[in-house]
Amino acid sequence: MELSVNTQALAYLVSAILFILGLKGLTHPATARRGNVYAMLGMLIAVGATLLGHQVQSYGFIVAGILGGALIGTLLALRIQMTDMPQLVAALHSFVGFAAVLVAIGTFFARRASGDLDALLMSEVSAGIVIGAITFTGSVIAFGKLQGLLSGAPVKFAGQHLLNALMALAAIALAVHFAMTGSLLALFAMTLLALALGVTLIIPIGGADMPVIISMLNSYSGWAAAATGFTLHNTLLIIVGAIVGCSGAILSFIMCKAMNRSIINVVFGGFGSDGGSGESAGAQAAEKGIKSAAIEDAVYWMEDAGKVIIVPGYGMAVAQAQHALKELMELLEAGGVEVKFAIHPVAGRMPGHMNVLLAEADIPYDQVLEMDEINSEFPGTDVVLVVGANDVVNPAAKEDPSSPIYGMPILEAGRARQVYFLKRSMRPGYSGVDNLLFYQDNTSLIFGDAKDTIEGMNSALKGGGH
């Protein structure tokens, strides 16, 4: 059965509406599942309408590609841990960029063979190759940093920004030359230059800025998809690419606002550290005059508290401690303690990372509050339990003008009566900045794996606490 052009266009319109509804659903955890269903239904309709269109002449390679992709996707979905979700997202962005490059080059050679090239098509091919290549290698570097295959610290050298600017101008000049002449040499040089530019643009980005970079690469992948849509004359791909491109750009702006940094500052002034001392955490804390505490101390305070706020960070994700936190919440609530969770926009390694992890543990959405909603509650809170977070609660952002994170809005955990930090070591956060909250009189650190520590708290509460 072959769909008419009008029927296919109608199916694409329905798909586009479902994608928009899906994106709207993703704006709140309570509607995120429904949003995903809308988006998946839209994609199913889009793929079906494309396969039944008059453009498809043979299904052999298409079926093979779908089966291969479905197999890879299924294996990834079954095996991937939530802690690895940011690097999976980066890897998927790289696939989109690479696909855009292949489609653009393939379309060029196919139309060249048939003698059906024009200036507009050549411009679309050029845009697809440049944007796609930058997205591909940039996402690969982001994946390497997130996976720990590459250092999370910024890689900088003299003249770096000038080199990037010259490479970008050269890539644009080659793209224009290729669009005008169809030169294979220009095609080859343009592709290599764009691939190299993706690397040099992302290597200076430090770990502290990774949430912004993930959303930026999401935007790049959208524009790469839109460019591919123009090349293939596929209106749905253009629409979806534009939606992804714009939403990723807006999200990047929101993330930068949450860090009180401009997107230019993120791209050209990345900071971060993945270093650490080999000295034991307790010894380092003692040397610095930082108080450490035992599990029993925290349990004593939380049992007698009226309100407890839990601040999760990437350390919670690494330890997979969200389910243990759910049990802690239930045990405290059974004792009459009010429990809430505080989420900073850049907690974790990608936007919404902490929300997804807490939702995975079935923690009620109405107890998970964003920074602007919960900051006013800290002064009236008896205990704040910080689980693997760091920079997002660091008072240096408000008190130290010389700090790289100065001006960044933070969760004001230090205003509570007592703060307990769960940390593996004395290593700083992604920014590499010492946390001033450690030195406050109302703060104590509990060292160890977050999941083991919280399970110890749960056992103590079940056994009557202290």
Protein backbone atom coordinates (compact mmCIF):
# COMPACT_ATOMS: atom_id res chain seq x y z
CA MET A 1 0.00 0.00 0.00
CA GLU A 2 1.41 3.37 -1.04
CA LEU A 3 0.26 6.57 0.64
CA SER A 4 -0.64 9.57 -1.49
CA VAL A 5 1.36 12.75 -1.02
CA ASN A 6 -1.57 14.41 0.79
CA THR A 7 -2.11 11.44 3.12
CA GLN A 8 1.57 11.35 3.97
CA ALA A 9 1.55 15.10 4.65
CA LEU A 10 -1.45 14.65 6.96
CA ALA A 11 0.34 11.83 8.82
CA TYR A 12 3.39 14.07 9.22
CA LEU A 13 1.18 16.84 10.60
CA VAL A 14 -0.31 14.46 13.19
CA SER A 15 3.21 13.32 14.10
CA ALA A 16 4.41 16.90 14.53
CA ILE A 17 1.48 17.67 16.84
CA LEU A 18 2.25 14.56 18.90
CA PHE A 19 5.91 15.57 19.15
CA ILE A 20 4.90 19.01 20.42
CA LEU A 21 2.52 17.46 22.96
CA GLY A 22 5.30 15.07 23.97
CA LEU A 23 7.69 17.95 24.53
CA LYS A 24 5.04 19.78 26.58
CA GLY A 25 4.57 16.64 28.69
CA LEU A 26 8.27 16.51 29.46
CA THR A 27 8.12 19.92 31.15
CA HIS A 28 6.90 18.31 34.40
CA PRO A 29 7.77 14.97 36.03
CA ALA A 30 4.09 14.17 36.62
CA THR A 31 3.32 14.30 32.88
CA ALA A 32 6.68 13.05 31.57
CA ARG A 33 5.50 9.46 31.00
CA ARG A 34 2.50 10.66 29.02
CA GLY A 35 4.78 12.96 27.04
CA ASN A 36 7.02 10.03 26.16
CA VAL A 37 4.00 8.02 24.98
CA TYR A 38 2.90 10.90 22.73
CA ALA A 39 6.40 11.22 21.28
CA MET A 40 6.74 7.48 20.66
CA LEU A 41 3.33 7.38 18.97
CA GLY A 42 4.33 10.34 16.82
CA MET A 43 7.54 8.60 15.80
CA LEU A 44 5.66 5.39 14.97
CA ILE A 45 3.28 7.31 12.69
CA ALA A 46 6.17 9.22 11.12
CA VAL A 47 8.19 6.09 10.35
CA GLY A 48 5.13 4.28 9.02
CA ALA A 49 4.15 7.19 6.77
CA THR A 50 7.71 7.44 5.45
CA LEU A 51 7.97 3.73 4.69
CA LEU A 52 4.66 3.81 2.80
CA GLY A 53 5.62 6.90 0.80
CA HIS A 54 6.34 6.89 -2.93
CA GLN A 55 10.01 7.75 -2.29
CA VAL A 56 10.78 4.25 -1.00
CA GLN A 57 11.73 1.90 -3.83
CA SER A 58 13.18 -1.04 -1.89
CA TYR A 59 12.81 -2.24 1.71
CA GLY A 60 15.83 -4.55 2.00
CA PHE A 61 18.36 -2.18 3.51
CA ILE A 62 15.64 -0.32 5.42
CA VAL A 63 14.44 -3.47 7.19
CA ALA A 64 18.02 -4.48 7.95
CA GLY A 65 18.72 -1.04 9.41
CA ILE A 66 15.55 -1.03 11.51
CA LEU A 67 16.24 -4.52 12.90
CA GLY A 68 19.87 -3.66 13.63
CA GLY A 69 18.95 -0.38 15.29
CA ALA A 70 16.14 -2.01 17.28
CA LEU A 71 18.52 -4.68 18.54
CA ILE A 72 21.16 -2.15 19.61
CA GLY A 73 18.53 0.11 21.20
CA THR A 74 16.94 -2.74 23.11
CA LEU A 75 20.27 -3.97 24.48
CA LEU A 76 21.20 -0.45 25.54
CA ALA A 77 17.85 0.13 27.22
CA LEU A 78 18.12 -3.13 29.16
CA ARG A 79 21.72 -2.68 30.25
CA ILE A 80 22.16 1.05 30.75
CA GLN A 81 22.30 2.33 34.31
CA MET A 82 20.71 5.64 35.21
CA THR A 83 24.16 6.89 36.20
CA ASP A 84 25.23 6.36 32.60
CA MET A 85 22.26 8.13 31.06
CA PRO A 86 24.13 11.42 30.39
CA GLN A 87 26.82 9.69 28.35
CA LEU A 88 24.17 7.65 26.53
CA VAL A 89 22.45 10.91 25.56
CA ALA A 90 25.79 12.26 24.32
CA ALA A 91 26.34 9.06 22.31
CA LEU A 92 22.86 9.34 20.75
CA HIS A 93 23.60 12.94 19.78
CA SER A 94 26.74 11.70 18.02
CA PHE A 95 24.63 9.20 16.05
CA VAL A 96 22.36 12.01 14.84
CA GLY A 97 25.35 14.10 13.75
CA PHE A 98 27.02 11.19 11.98
CA ALA A 99 23.76 10.27 10.22
CA ALA A 100 23.39 13.87 9.02
CA VAL A 101 26.89 13.76 7.51
CA LEU A 102 26.28 10.42 5.78
CA VAL A 103 22.89 11.48 4.41
CA ALA A 104 24.29 14.75 3.07
CA ILE A 105 27.28 13.09 1.40
CA GLY A 106 25.12 10.23 0.07
CA THR A 107 22.58 12.66 -1.37
CA PHE A 108 25.32 14.68 -3.04
CA PHE A 109 26.82 11.67 -4.81
CA ALA A 110 23.40 10.28 -5.79
CA ARG A 111 22.24 13.57 -7.29
CA ARG A 112 25.65 14.16 -8.85
CA ALA A 113 25.39 10.86 -10.68
CA SER A 114 21.99 11.80 -12.07
CA GLY A 115 23.11 15.34 -12.92
CA ASP A 116 20.45 16.82 -10.66
CA LEU A 117 22.45 19.29 -8.58
CA ASP A 118 21.53 22.89 -7.89
CA ALA A 119 22.81 25.68 -5.66
CA LEU A 120 20.05 25.27 -3.07
CA LEU A 121 20.69 21.55 -2.64
CA MET A 122 24.43 22.10 -2.43
CA SER A 123 23.90 24.70 0.31
CA GLU A 124 21.71 22.25 2.24
CA VAL A 125 24.33 19.51 1.86
CA SER A 126 27.06 21.86 3.09
CA ALA A 127 25.04 22.85 6.16
CA GLY A 128 24.21 19.23 6.95
CA ILE A 129 27.86 18.16 6.75
CA VAL A 130 29.27 21.03 8.83
CA ILE A 131 26.63 20.96 11.58
CA GLY A 132 26.50 17.17 11.63
CA ALA A 133 30.28 16.73 11.80
CA ILE A 134 30.64 19.23 14.66
CA THR A 135 27.80 17.50 16.50
CA PHE A 136 29.35 14.07 15.94
CA THR A 137 32.85 14.68 17.24
CA GLY A 138 31.71 17.13 19.91
CA SER A 139 29.32 14.51 21.27
CA VAL A 140 32.04 11.84 21.16
CA ILE A 141 34.30 14.06 23.27
CA ALA A 142 31.45 14.77 25.70
CA PHE A 143 30.81 11.03 25.95
CA GLY A 144 34.49 10.41 26.68
CA LYS A 145 34.54 13.03 29.45
CA LEU A 146 31.34 11.74 31.03
CA GLN A 147 32.41 8.11 30.80
CA GLY A 148 35.78 8.90 32.34
CA LEU A 149 37.68 7.87 29.21
CA LEU A 150 38.95 11.46 28.97
CA SER A 151 39.82 13.93 31.70
CA GLY A 152 36.89 16.00 32.92
CA ALA A 153 39.19 19.00 33.38
CA PRO A 154 39.29 21.70 30.70
CA VAL A 155 41.98 21.23 28.05
CA LYS A 156 43.33 24.66 27.15
CA PHE A 157 46.30 26.00 25.21
CA ALA A 158 47.53 29.35 23.96
CA GLY A 159 45.65 30.70 20.96
CA GLN A 160 42.85 28.17 21.35
CA HIS A 161 39.98 30.58 20.73
CA LEU A 162 41.74 32.14 17.73
CA LEU A 163 42.32 28.68 16.29
CA ASN A 164 38.65 27.76 16.72
CA ALA A 165 37.58 31.01 15.06
CA LEU A 166 39.91 30.45 12.11
CA MET A 167 38.76 26.84 11.73
CA ALA A 168 35.12 27.93 11.79
CA LEU A 169 35.72 30.62 9.16
CA ALA A 170 37.67 28.17 7.00
CA ALA A 171 34.88 25.57 7.29
CA ILE A 172 32.30 28.16 6.24
CA ALA A 173 34.48 29.30 3.32
CA LEU A 174 34.95 25.71 2.17
CA ALA A 175 31.21 25.08 2.51
CA VAL A 176 30.47 28.07 0.26
CA HIS A 177 33.11 26.95 -2.22
CA PHE A 178 31.70 23.43 -2.26
CA ALA A 179 28.15 24.71 -2.72
CA MET A 180 29.28 26.77 -5.72
CA THR A 181 31.57 24.26 -7.40
CA GLY A 182 30.83 20.76 -6.09
CA SER A 183 34.58 20.27 -5.59
CA LEU A 184 35.38 16.90 -3.99
CA LEU A 185 38.52 18.38 -2.45
CA ALA A 186 36.42 21.10 -0.79
CA LEU A 187 33.98 18.43 0.41
CA PHE A 188 36.79 16.37 1.95
CA ALA A 189 38.51 19.38 3.56
CA MET A 190 35.25 20.85 4.86
CA THR A 191 34.25 17.55 6.48
CA LEU A 192 37.63 17.02 8.14
CA LEU A 193 37.75 20.60 9.39
CA ALA A 194 34.25 20.39 10.86
CA LEU A 195 35.12 17.10 12.57
CA ALA A 196 38.23 18.69 14.08
CA LEU A 197 36.26 21.77 15.16
CA GLY A 198 33.84 19.57 17.12
CA VAL A 199 36.80 18.27 19.12
CA THR A 200 38.45 21.63 19.76
CA LEU A 201 35.15 23.26 20.78
CA ILE A 202 34.36 20.68 23.48
CA ILE A 203 37.76 19.79 24.99
CA PRO A 204 37.99 23.15 26.86
CA ILE A 205 34.67 22.44 28.58
CA GLY A 206 35.11 21.43 32.21
CA GLY A 207 33.00 18.94 34.12
CA ALA A 208 31.14 21.73 35.90
CA ASP A 209 29.60 22.82 32.60
CA MET A 210 28.62 19.36 31.33
CA PRO A 211 24.85 19.81 31.92
CA VAL A 212 24.91 22.88 29.66
CA ILE A 213 27.02 21.12 27.03
CA ILE A 214 24.62 18.16 26.92
CA SER A 215 21.71 20.51 26.17
CA MET A 216 23.83 22.45 23.67
CA LEU A 217 24.71 19.27 21.79
CA ASN A 218 21.03 18.40 21.86
CA SER A 219 20.39 21.68 20.08
CA TYR A 220 23.15 20.94 17.55
CA SER A 221 21.66 17.52 16.80
CA GLY A 222 18.30 19.18 16.15
CA TRP A 223 19.77 21.61 13.64
CA ALA A 224 21.66 18.73 12.00
CA ALA A 225 18.36 16.86 11.66
CA ALA A 226 16.65 19.95 10.23
CA ALA A 227 19.44 20.36 7.66
CA THR A 228 18.97 16.70 6.71
CA GLY A 229 15.24 17.36 6.33
CA PHE A 230 15.93 20.12 3.82
CA THR A 231 18.30 17.84 1.92
CA LEU A 232 15.72 15.05 1.74
CA HIS A 233 12.75 17.42 1.26
CA ASN A 234 11.16 15.86 4.34
CA THR A 235 8.94 18.41 6.08
CA LEU A 236 8.55 16.38 9.29
CA LEU A 237 12.31 16.10 9.75
CA ILE A 238 12.58 19.86 9.30
CA ILE A 239 9.84 20.48 11.89
CA VAL A 240 11.21 18.02 14.43
CA GLY A 241 14.77 19.22 13.92
CA ALA A 242 13.71 22.82 14.45
CA ILE A 243 11.78 21.86 17.62
CA VAL A 244 14.78 20.00 19.04
CA GLY A 245 17.19 22.74 17.98
CA CYS A 246 15.14 25.54 19.54
CA SER A 247 14.24 23.64 22.71
CA GLY A 248 17.88 22.64 23.22
CA ALA A 249 19.00 26.25 22.77
CA ILE A 250 16.35 27.51 25.20
CA LEU A 251 17.30 24.84 27.74
CA SER A 252 20.97 25.80 27.40
CA PHE A 253 20.02 29.41 28.14
CA ILE A 254 17.99 28.34 31.19
CA MET A 255 20.87 26.21 32.47
CA CYS A 256 23.32 29.08 32.02
CA LYS A 257 20.95 31.38 33.90
CA ALA A 258 20.86 28.83 36.74
CA MET A 259 24.67 29.03 36.85
CA ASN A 260 24.74 32.82 36.39
CA ARG A 261 26.98 32.37 33.36
CA SER A 262 26.58 33.28 29.71
CA ILE A 263 26.69 30.64 27.00
CA ILE A 264 29.80 32.38 25.65
CA ASN A 265 31.44 32.02 29.05
CA VAL A 266 30.60 28.31 29.12
CA VAL A 267 31.98 27.64 25.65
CA PHE A 268 35.10 29.77 25.98
CA GLY A 269 35.78 29.68 29.72
CA GLY A 270 35.09 26.14 30.89
CA PHE A 271 36.28 25.12 34.30
CA GLY A 272 36.35 21.85 36.20
CA SER A 273 38.54 19.30 37.86
CA ASP A 274 38.70 15.56 38.18
CA GLY A 275 41.75 15.46 40.38
CA GLY A 276 41.93 14.34 43.96
CA SER A 277 44.32 13.50 46.77
CA GLY A 278 45.22 9.98 47.76
CA GLU A 279 45.01 10.90 51.46
CA SER A 280 42.08 9.42 53.40
CA ALA A 281 38.92 11.52 53.52
CA GLY A 282 38.82 11.63 57.30
CA ALA A 283 42.44 12.74 57.56
CA GLN A 284 41.94 15.49 55.00
CA ALA A 285 38.84 16.72 56.81
CA ALA A 286 40.63 16.79 60.17
CA GLU A 287 43.56 18.71 58.69
CA LYS A 288 41.17 21.35 57.38
CA GLY A 289 39.22 21.60 60.61
CA ILE A 290 36.11 20.05 59.08
CA LYS A 291 33.88 18.04 61.38
CA SER A 292 33.01 14.45 60.51
CA ALA A 293 30.11 12.51 62.02
CA ALA A 294 28.78 8.99 62.38
CA ILE A 295 25.54 7.60 61.01
CA GLU A 296 24.09 7.56 64.52
CA ASP A 297 24.61 11.33 64.85
CA ALA A 298 22.54 12.03 61.75
CA VAL A 299 19.84 9.55 62.80
CA TYR A 300 19.58 11.22 66.21
CA TRP A 301 19.01 14.62 64.61
CA MET A 302 16.58 13.37 61.96
CA GLU A 303 14.43 11.40 64.42
CA ASP A 304 13.87 14.54 66.50
CA ALA A 305 13.41 16.84 63.47
CA GLY A 306 10.22 18.46 62.33
CA LYS A 307 11.43 18.85 58.75
CA VAL A 308 14.21 17.20 56.76
CA ILE A 309 15.27 18.33 53.28
CA ILE A 310 17.32 15.96 51.12
CA VAL A 311 19.58 17.44 48.42
CA PRO A 312 20.61 14.77 45.86
CA GLY A 313 23.58 15.10 43.52
CA TYR A 314 25.59 13.01 41.13
CA GLY A 315 27.07 11.07 44.05
CA MET A 316 23.59 9.70 44.70
CA ALA A 317 23.40 8.56 41.09
CA VAL A 318 26.80 6.86 41.24
CA ALA A 319 25.84 4.99 44.42
CA GLN A 320 22.33 4.18 43.09
CA ALA A 321 21.02 5.38 46.43
CA GLN A 322 17.61 6.67 45.31
CA HIS A 323 15.71 3.56 46.47
CA ALA A 324 17.41 3.67 49.86
CA LEU A 325 16.42 7.34 50.09
CA LYS A 326 12.81 6.41 49.36
CA GLU A 327 12.89 4.00 52.34
CA LEU A 328 14.53 6.67 54.52
CA MET A 329 11.78 9.09 53.57
CA GLU A 330 9.08 6.56 54.49
CA LEU A 331 10.71 5.73 57.83
CA LEU A 332 11.03 9.40 58.78
CA GLU A 333 7.47 10.18 57.71
CA ALA A 334 6.23 7.25 59.79
CA GLY A 335 7.81 9.02 62.75
CA GLY A 336 6.03 12.29 61.97
CA VAL A 337 8.92 14.02 60.16
CA GLU A 338 8.16 16.12 57.07
CA VAL A 339 10.53 15.17 54.21
CA LYS A 340 11.17 17.08 50.99
CA PHE A 341 13.73 16.87 48.19
CA ALA A 342 15.52 19.93 46.77
CA ILE A 343 16.68 19.89 43.14
CA HIS A 344 19.12 22.35 41.59
CA PRO A 345 18.78 22.85 37.80
CA VAL A 346 22.37 21.71 37.18
CA ALA A 347 22.53 18.86 39.72
CA GLY A 348 23.86 15.72 38.04
CA ARG A 349 25.35 15.54 34.59
CA MET A 350 22.38 16.44 32.45
CA PRO A 351 19.19 18.49 32.81
CA GLY A 352 16.56 16.66 34.87
CA HIS A 353 18.98 13.90 35.91
CA MET A 354 18.00 13.98 39.59
CA ASN A 355 14.28 14.22 38.84
CA VAL A 356 14.47 11.07 36.72
CA LEU A 357 16.36 9.14 39.39
CA LEU A 358 13.89 10.11 42.12
CA ALA A 359 10.96 9.26 39.86
CA GLU A 360 12.55 5.86 39.27
CA ALA A 361 12.29 5.26 43.03
CA ASP A 362 8.60 6.38 42.99
CA ILE A 363 9.25 9.39 45.22
CA PRO A 364 6.11 11.57 44.97
CA TYR A 365 6.49 14.49 42.58
CA ASP A 366 4.93 16.96 45.02
CA GLN A 367 7.79 16.32 47.46
CA VAL A 368 10.45 17.12 44.86
CA LEU A 369 10.89 20.89 44.65
CA GLU A 370 13.02 23.08 42.43
CA MET A 371 15.52 25.59 43.81
CA ASP A 372 13.27 28.65 43.55
CA GLU A 373 10.44 26.84 45.34
CA ILE A 374 12.38 25.47 48.28
CA ASN A 375 15.11 28.00 49.12
CA SER A 376 12.79 29.93 51.43
CA GLU A 377 12.18 26.76 53.48
CA PHE A 378 15.79 26.10 54.52
CA PRO A 379 15.82 28.53 57.49
CA GLY A 380 12.88 26.62 59.02
CA THR A 381 14.42 23.20 58.37
CA ASP A 382 15.96 21.13 61.14
CA VAL A 383 18.19 18.87 59.05
CA VAL A 384 19.49 18.99 55.48
CA LEU A 385 20.94 15.76 54.14
CA VAL A 386 23.20 16.42 51.14
CA VAL A 387 23.74 13.21 49.18
CA GLY A 388 26.65 13.50 46.79
CA ALA A 389 26.03 17.12 45.77
CA ASN A 390 28.67 19.82 46.05
CA ASP A 391 28.82 22.93 43.89
CA VAL A 392 25.04 23.47 44.00
CA VAL A 393 25.16 24.11 47.78
CA ASN A 394 28.52 25.89 47.95
CA PRO A 395 28.24 29.32 49.69
CA ALA A 396 31.31 30.44 47.73
CA ALA A 397 28.86 31.22 44.94
CA LYS A 398 27.48 34.02 47.14
CA GLU A 399 30.38 34.93 49.42
CA ASP A 400 33.61 34.70 47.41
CA PRO A 401 33.87 37.11 44.45
CA SER A 402 37.11 35.41 43.36
CA SER A 403 35.44 32.00 43.04
CA PRO A 404 34.76 30.64 39.52
CA ILE A 405 31.19 29.86 40.60
CA TYR A 406 30.54 33.30 42.15
CA GLY A 407 27.07 34.55 41.26
CA MET A 408 25.67 31.08 40.60
CA PRO A 409 22.30 30.64 42.36
CA ILE A 410 22.56 27.81 44.91
CA LEU A 411 20.40 25.74 47.22
CA GLU A 412 20.84 27.59 50.51
CA ALA A 413 21.29 24.43 52.58
CA GLY A 414 23.62 26.15 55.03
CA ARG A 415 20.73 28.15 56.50
CA ALA A 416 19.23 25.02 58.11
CA ARG A 417 19.88 24.13 61.78
CA GLN A 418 22.08 21.16 60.88
CA VAL A 419 23.62 19.90 57.63
CA TYR A 420 24.96 16.41 57.03
CA PHE A 421 27.03 15.77 53.91
CA LEU A 422 27.35 12.25 52.54
CA LYS A 423 30.63 12.06 50.61
CA ARG A 424 33.09 9.42 49.49
CA SER A 425 36.10 11.71 49.79
CA MET A 426 37.24 15.29 50.19
CA ARG A 427 37.46 15.76 46.43
CA PRO A 428 35.77 18.96 45.26
CA GLY A 429 32.87 19.06 42.83
CA TYR A 430 33.14 19.44 39.07
CA SER A 431 34.24 23.03 39.41
CA GLY A 432 37.27 22.04 41.49
CA VAL A 433 36.29 24.67 44.08
CA ASP A 434 36.53 24.01 47.83
CA ASN A 435 33.09 23.98 49.46
CA LEU A 436 32.80 26.67 52.15
CA LEU A 437 29.77 24.91 53.60
CA PHE A 438 32.09 22.21 55.00
CA TYR A 439 33.58 24.77 57.39
CA GLN A 440 30.32 26.03 58.89
CA ASP A 441 29.64 25.16 62.52
CA ASN A 442 26.33 23.49 61.63
CA THR A 443 27.87 21.14 59.03
CA SER A 444 29.28 17.63 59.48
CA LEU A 445 30.50 15.15 56.87
CA ILE A 446 29.72 11.42 56.85
CA PHE A 447 32.22 9.57 54.67
CA GLY A 448 31.46 6.42 52.71
CA ASP A 449 29.32 5.07 49.90
CA ALA A 450 26.02 6.96 49.89
CA LYS A 451 23.86 3.87 49.48
CA ASP A 452 25.61 2.01 52.30
CA THR A 453 25.38 5.06 54.56
CA ILE A 454 21.66 5.59 53.93
CA GLU A 455 20.95 1.87 54.39
CA GLY A 456 22.79 2.15 57.72
CA MET A 457 20.51 5.04 58.65
CA ASN A 458 17.48 2.98 57.70
CA SER A 459 18.65 0.07 59.84
CA ALA A 460 19.22 2.41 62.77
CA LEU A 461 15.73 3.91 62.39
CA LYS A 462 14.13 0.47 62.19
CA GLY A 463 15.99 -0.60 65.30
CA GLY A 464 14.82 2.36 67.31
CA GLY A 465 17.48 4.80 66.11
CA HIS A 466 20.21 5.43 68.65
